[in-house]
Structures are given as structure tokens and as C-alpha cells.
């Protein structure tokens, strides 16, 4: 039997009641149709799940009783940051959702020369809210108790100016595979992936000037939503939590 598990920004303390925000409250009452006494799990990103029970199923403001705290989620052996070129809506949503399920610690959306998506300030704000919802839903589904960071979308060139030196750039022209690389030190890895059409020569050179290593994923050219997921799964298998 699948347990209901929802994210809230509220502080969660065993033995205390809390009134949930409008969004999770609507989901509980209008989608899941949970009534008083129904059990559920809550998390707020602090690393723990909390067992709770519905007290007052009011539409838009559900009151729950927090009963107990679960175990603290252990930190990953490898903290992966995914810097990804912004692609069309469905592709970007899919890539972000699955990257969270695969265990990335941080997501950085990037605008690039060949990217087909251009957003005004107002549309970008709405898209950022949408992406945050994707991240939260993926954590709810996958059992993650800490939310991955979601950085503001920015242009690749601006990001590279401040990005730490070193990282991996997915590029079918790369001369090395992941298996040929030295395991990352310091427990962190930065992965850069372009949008549809990949990065331009100027952008690839800019990444190389920041000591990014171009790596390939086998003999095939993958779509922008497929390549980062294949790379993350391989990275987790080689050096991350897929080894456990």
C-alpha cells in the first residue's frame, strides 16, 4: 500500500499540530480526498520524514497532528550538480524530474546560444515556480527527504564567470568516457549539459577554459533530456550511491 507523502514549508515537530499551506491542503482534500484520522507522511527538506495524521480536513487549510520523526537522511557519497541548458517545456520538465529521482543535489538552468527557449522576466518567474513544483513532486515520489537546490536561471557565459573551475561537459566529440576518468575528489561533481543542438563552439571553448573535461556517452548522440540522465546514472554507478 502506497503512503501519502507531501512536502510542506512548515516547521515539523513531533507532538505538535500544524496547518498546511493551501497547495498541499487542496491536494489532500480535493485529489486524495483524505478525511479526519487519515495517516500521511510529511517532510520539509530538513532531512527527516514525519508521521502525521489529519485532524481537520478543511479545504485550503488542513490541520494535521505530527506524531513522530523518522531517521535523518544520510548525505550522499557524491554531491552532483547538474547545469543544464534550458530546453522545450516537456523535455526540461522530464530532465529535471528524473535528475531529482536519480539523486542530484543541485540544479542550474542555463540559457545558451542554441537554446530555443527565451523567457521574459514574468514568464521566467512562472517557469521557475513550475520547475520548483517539479522538484518537490519528484522528492515526494522518490522518498528524498532533502530538496535539491534550484538556482535561478541564467546565461551560460555569466554562470561560467563565477562557476568553480573543473567539471564534466557532455559532448559526443569528447575523447574520453566516464570510465576513463579519475574518480572525483572532495565528494562533489559538476556536470554541464547543453540544450537541443548542444553548446556552440564558443561555449564549449569557454567551458574548456574553465577546466571542464569533455566526455562522451558511447557511440550514440542522445537527446537533451536523455543524455544527462544516462550520465547521472553512470556517475552514480561509478562513484555515487548506486554502489550501495
Protein backbone atom coordinates (compact mmCIF):
# COMPACT_ATOMS: atom_id res chain seq x y z
CA UNK A 1 0.00 0.00 0.00
CA UNK A 2 1.41 3.37 -1.02
CA UNK A 3 1.64 6.00 1.71
CA UNK A 4 0.70 9.62 1.12
CA UNK A 5 3.82 11.78 1.36
CA UNK A 6 3.75 15.56 0.98
CA UNK A 7 6.15 18.49 1.20
CA UNK A 8 5.43 21.48 3.42
CA UNK A 9 7.43 24.56 4.31
CA UNK A 10 6.02 24.48 7.84
CA UNK A 11 8.22 23.60 10.83
CA UNK A 12 7.55 19.99 11.84
CA UNK A 13 7.85 18.97 15.49
CA UNK A 14 6.68 15.64 16.89
CA UNK A 15 3.72 16.08 19.22
CA UNK A 16 2.58 19.39 17.74
CA UNK A 17 -0.16 20.25 15.26
CA UNK A 18 0.40 22.28 12.12
CA UNK A 19 -1.83 23.86 9.48
CA UNK A 20 -0.63 23.06 5.97
CA UNK A 21 -0.37 25.56 3.15
CA UNK A 22 -3.09 25.89 0.51
CA UNK A 23 -1.44 23.69 -2.15
CA UNK A 24 -0.86 20.52 -0.07
CA UNK A 25 -4.19 21.10 1.66
CA UNK A 26 -6.05 21.16 -1.65
CA UNK A 27 -4.19 18.04 -2.76
CA UNK A 28 -5.19 16.21 0.42
CA UNK A 29 -8.84 17.21 0.33
CA UNK A 30 -9.67 17.50 -3.38
CA UNK A 31 -7.35 14.99 -5.03
CA UNK A 32 -6.65 12.34 -2.38
CA UNK A 33 -9.92 13.04 -0.51
CA UNK A 34 -8.43 12.20 2.87
CA UNK A 35 -10.64 12.69 5.89
CA UNK A 36 -10.06 13.15 9.60
CA UNK A 37 -7.85 10.41 11.04
CA UNK A 38 -6.08 9.61 7.78
CA UNK A 39 -2.36 8.88 8.13
CA UNK A 40 0.31 10.50 5.99
CA UNK A 41 3.98 11.44 5.89
CA UNK A 42 5.27 14.99 5.76
CA UNK A 43 8.72 16.43 5.09
CA UNK A 44 10.04 19.98 4.88
CA UNK A 45 13.50 19.38 3.48
CA UNK A 46 15.35 19.17 6.81
CA UNK A 47 16.28 15.53 6.14
CA UNK A 48 13.53 13.72 8.01
CA UNK A 49 10.08 12.31 7.30
CA UNK A 50 7.40 12.91 9.92
CA UNK A 51 4.46 10.60 10.55
CA UNK A 52 1.28 12.65 10.84
CA UNK A 53 -2.49 12.32 10.93
CA UNK A 54 -5.24 14.57 9.58
CA UNK A 55 -7.16 16.37 12.33
CA UNK A 56 -9.30 18.92 10.45
CA UNK A 57 -9.58 18.37 6.66
CA UNK A 58 -10.54 21.97 5.85
CA UNK A 59 -10.24 22.89 2.19
CA UNK A 60 -7.17 25.07 1.73
CA UNK A 61 -6.03 24.77 5.34
CA UNK A 62 -5.74 21.18 6.56
CA UNK A 63 -4.69 20.76 10.18
CA UNK A 64 -2.55 17.73 10.96
CA UNK A 65 -1.05 16.29 14.11
CA UNK A 66 2.66 15.48 13.80
CA UNK A 67 3.20 12.19 15.61
CA UNK A 68 6.85 11.18 15.24
CA UNK A 69 10.07 11.94 13.37
CA UNK A 70 11.81 9.42 11.13
CA UNK A 71 15.51 8.81 10.65
CA UNK A 72 17.76 11.53 9.28
CA UNK A 73 18.64 11.05 5.62
CA UNK A 74 22.34 10.38 5.22
CA UNK A 75 24.34 12.72 2.98
CA UNK A 76 25.19 11.26 -0.44
CA UNK A 77 28.71 9.95 -1.06
CA UNK A 78 28.84 12.19 -4.14
CA UNK A 79 27.08 15.56 -4.42
CA UNK A 80 26.16 16.07 -8.08
CA UNK A 81 25.34 19.48 -9.52
CA UNK A 82 23.59 19.44 -12.89
CA UNK A 83 23.94 22.59 -15.00
CA UNK A 84 21.56 22.08 -17.91
CA UNK A 85 20.65 24.13 -20.97
CA UNK A 86 17.00 25.17 -20.90
CA UNK A 87 15.03 23.15 -23.46
CA UNK A 88 11.40 22.95 -24.51
CA UNK A 89 8.84 22.57 -21.73
CA UNK A 90 8.20 18.82 -21.71
CA UNK A 91 11.84 17.92 -22.24
CA UNK A 92 13.05 20.22 -19.49
CA UNK A 93 10.40 19.01 -17.07
CA UNK A 94 11.33 15.39 -17.75
CA UNK A 95 15.06 16.01 -17.33
CA UNK A 96 14.59 17.86 -14.03
CA UNK A 97 12.15 15.29 -12.65
CA UNK A 98 14.33 12.31 -13.40
CA UNK A 99 17.54 14.05 -12.31
CA UNK A 100 15.96 14.56 -8.89
CA UNK A 101 14.90 10.91 -8.77
CA UNK A 102 18.47 9.93 -9.65
CA UNK A 103 19.83 11.92 -6.72
CA UNK A 104 21.29 15.22 -7.95
CA UNK A 105 21.99 17.71 -5.18
CA UNK A 106 21.65 20.93 -7.18
CA UNK A 107 20.09 22.06 -10.47
CA UNK A 108 21.18 25.09 -12.51
CA UNK A 109 19.05 26.02 -15.59
CA UNK A 110 21.12 27.82 -18.24
CA UNK A 111 20.23 29.87 -21.31
CA UNK A 112 22.55 29.12 -24.23
CA UNK A 113 23.22 30.33 -27.77
CA UNK A 114 21.44 27.42 -29.42
CA UNK A 115 18.65 27.16 -26.90
CA UNK A 116 15.21 27.68 -28.44
CA UNK A 117 13.55 28.87 -25.21
CA UNK A 118 13.53 32.60 -24.44
CA UNK A 119 11.59 33.88 -21.43
CA UNK A 120 10.65 37.36 -20.28
CA UNK A 121 11.10 38.22 -16.60
CA UNK A 122 7.45 37.47 -15.79
CA UNK A 123 7.37 34.23 -17.76
CA UNK A 124 10.70 33.19 -16.26
CA UNK A 125 9.38 33.71 -12.74
CA UNK A 126 6.40 31.48 -13.53
CA UNK A 127 8.66 28.88 -15.11
CA UNK A 128 10.92 28.86 -12.05
CA UNK A 129 7.88 28.26 -9.84
CA UNK A 130 6.83 25.45 -12.17
CA UNK A 131 10.29 23.86 -12.02
CA UNK A 132 10.28 24.10 -8.24
CA UNK A 133 6.99 22.20 -8.28
CA UNK A 134 8.60 19.54 -10.46
CA UNK A 135 11.46 19.19 -7.97
CA UNK A 136 9.11 18.93 -4.98
CA UNK A 137 6.86 16.35 -6.67
CA UNK A 138 9.89 14.25 -7.62
CA UNK A 139 11.07 14.30 -3.99
CA UNK A 140 7.61 13.32 -2.77
CA UNK A 141 7.53 10.38 -5.17
CA UNK A 142 11.11 9.17 -4.72
CA UNK A 143 11.33 9.40 -0.93
CA UNK A 144 14.02 12.10 -0.83
CA UNK A 145 13.94 13.99 2.46
CA UNK A 146 16.14 16.89 1.36
CA UNK A 147 15.18 19.18 -1.50
CA UNK A 148 17.81 19.64 -4.20
CA UNK A 149 18.80 23.26 -4.71
CA UNK A 150 17.33 25.02 -7.74
CA UNK A 151 19.42 28.02 -8.80
CA UNK A 152 17.91 30.96 -10.72
CA UNK A 153 18.11 30.52 -14.49
CA UNK A 154 20.95 32.50 -16.05
CA UNK A 155 23.04 32.74 -19.18
CA UNK A 156 25.80 30.17 -19.55
CA UNK A 157 28.51 32.78 -20.01
CA UNK A 158 27.55 34.63 -16.84
CA UNK A 159 27.43 31.37 -14.91
CA UNK A 160 30.84 30.25 -16.16
CA UNK A 161 32.38 33.50 -14.94
CA UNK A 162 31.53 32.54 -11.36
CA UNK A 163 31.41 28.74 -11.60
CA UNK A 164 34.10 26.72 -9.84
CA UNK A 165 36.82 25.53 -12.18
CA UNK A 166 36.61 21.91 -13.22
CA UNK A 167 33.68 19.74 -14.14
CA UNK A 168 32.40 17.45 -16.86
CA UNK A 169 30.88 18.59 -20.16
CA UNK A 170 28.78 16.05 -22.04
CA UNK A 171 29.92 16.20 -25.66
CA UNK A 172 29.72 13.42 -28.29
CA UNK A 173 33.03 14.79 -29.60
CA UNK A 174 34.73 14.16 -26.25
CA UNK A 175 37.83 11.99 -26.33
CA UNK A 176 37.20 10.23 -23.03
CA UNK A 177 34.43 8.21 -21.43
CA UNK A 178 33.33 8.38 -17.80
CA UNK A 179 35.01 5.06 -17.04
CA UNK A 180 38.36 6.51 -18.13
CA UNK A 181 38.23 9.40 -15.66
CA UNK A 182 39.81 9.65 -12.25
CA UNK A 183 37.15 9.48 -9.51
CA UNK A 184 36.15 12.99 -8.41
CA UNK A 185 37.76 14.27 -5.24
CA UNK A 186 36.07 16.15 -2.44
CA UNK A 187 32.76 14.33 -2.79
CA UNK A 188 31.44 16.77 -5.42
CA UNK A 189 30.94 16.70 -9.18
CA UNK A 190 29.70 19.36 -11.61
CA UNK A 191 28.02 18.17 -14.81
CA UNK A 192 27.27 20.54 -17.72
CA UNK A 193 24.80 19.54 -20.45
CA UNK A 194 23.66 21.63 -23.39
CA UNK A 195 20.14 22.08 -24.85
CA UNK A 196 18.78 20.79 -28.15
CA UNK A 197 21.62 21.12 -30.63
CA UNK A 198 24.24 21.18 -27.88
CA UNK A 199 26.57 24.03 -26.97
CA UNK A 200 28.13 26.26 -29.60
CA UNK A 201 31.87 26.06 -30.33
CA UNK A 202 32.37 29.33 -28.43
CA UNK A 203 30.51 27.96 -25.41
CA UNK A 204 32.46 24.69 -25.48
CA UNK A 205 35.70 26.65 -25.59
CA UNK A 206 34.53 28.83 -22.69
CA UNK A 207 33.81 25.70 -20.67
CA UNK A 208 37.22 24.26 -21.60
CA UNK A 209 38.88 27.47 -20.39
CA UNK A 210 37.29 26.77 -17.01
CA UNK A 211 38.84 23.28 -16.99
CA UNK A 212 35.70 21.36 -17.96
CA UNK A 213 36.55 17.94 -19.40
CA UNK A 214 34.54 16.87 -22.46
CA UNK A 215 33.23 13.33 -22.08
CA UNK A 216 31.18 11.16 -24.39
CA UNK A 217 28.48 8.61 -23.62
CA UNK A 218 29.13 5.78 -26.02
CA UNK A 219 28.74 5.89 -29.81
CA UNK A 220 25.25 7.41 -29.97
CA UNK A 221 24.04 11.03 -29.88
CA UNK A 222 21.36 11.33 -27.20
CA UNK A 223 18.54 13.82 -26.83
CA UNK A 224 18.92 16.66 -24.38
CA UNK A 225 16.56 15.02 -21.88
CA UNK A 226 18.23 11.60 -22.22
CA UNK A 227 21.93 12.48 -22.04
CA UNK A 228 22.03 13.96 -18.52
CA UNK A 229 20.02 11.08 -17.07
CA UNK A 230 22.27 8.47 -18.66
CA UNK A 231 25.32 10.35 -17.38
CA UNK A 232 23.95 10.74 -13.84
CA UNK A 233 23.06 7.05 -13.65
CA UNK A 234 26.55 6.11 -14.84
CA UNK A 235 28.17 8.56 -12.39
CA UNK A 236 26.12 7.17 -9.51
CA UNK A 237 27.15 3.65 -10.51
CA UNK A 238 30.84 4.51 -10.76
CA UNK A 239 31.25 6.82 -7.77
CA UNK A 240 27.89 7.53 -6.11
CA UNK A 241 25.11 5.89 -4.16
CA UNK A 242 24.26 3.24 -6.77
CA UNK A 243 27.24 1.31 -5.41
CA UNK A 244 25.40 0.60 -2.14
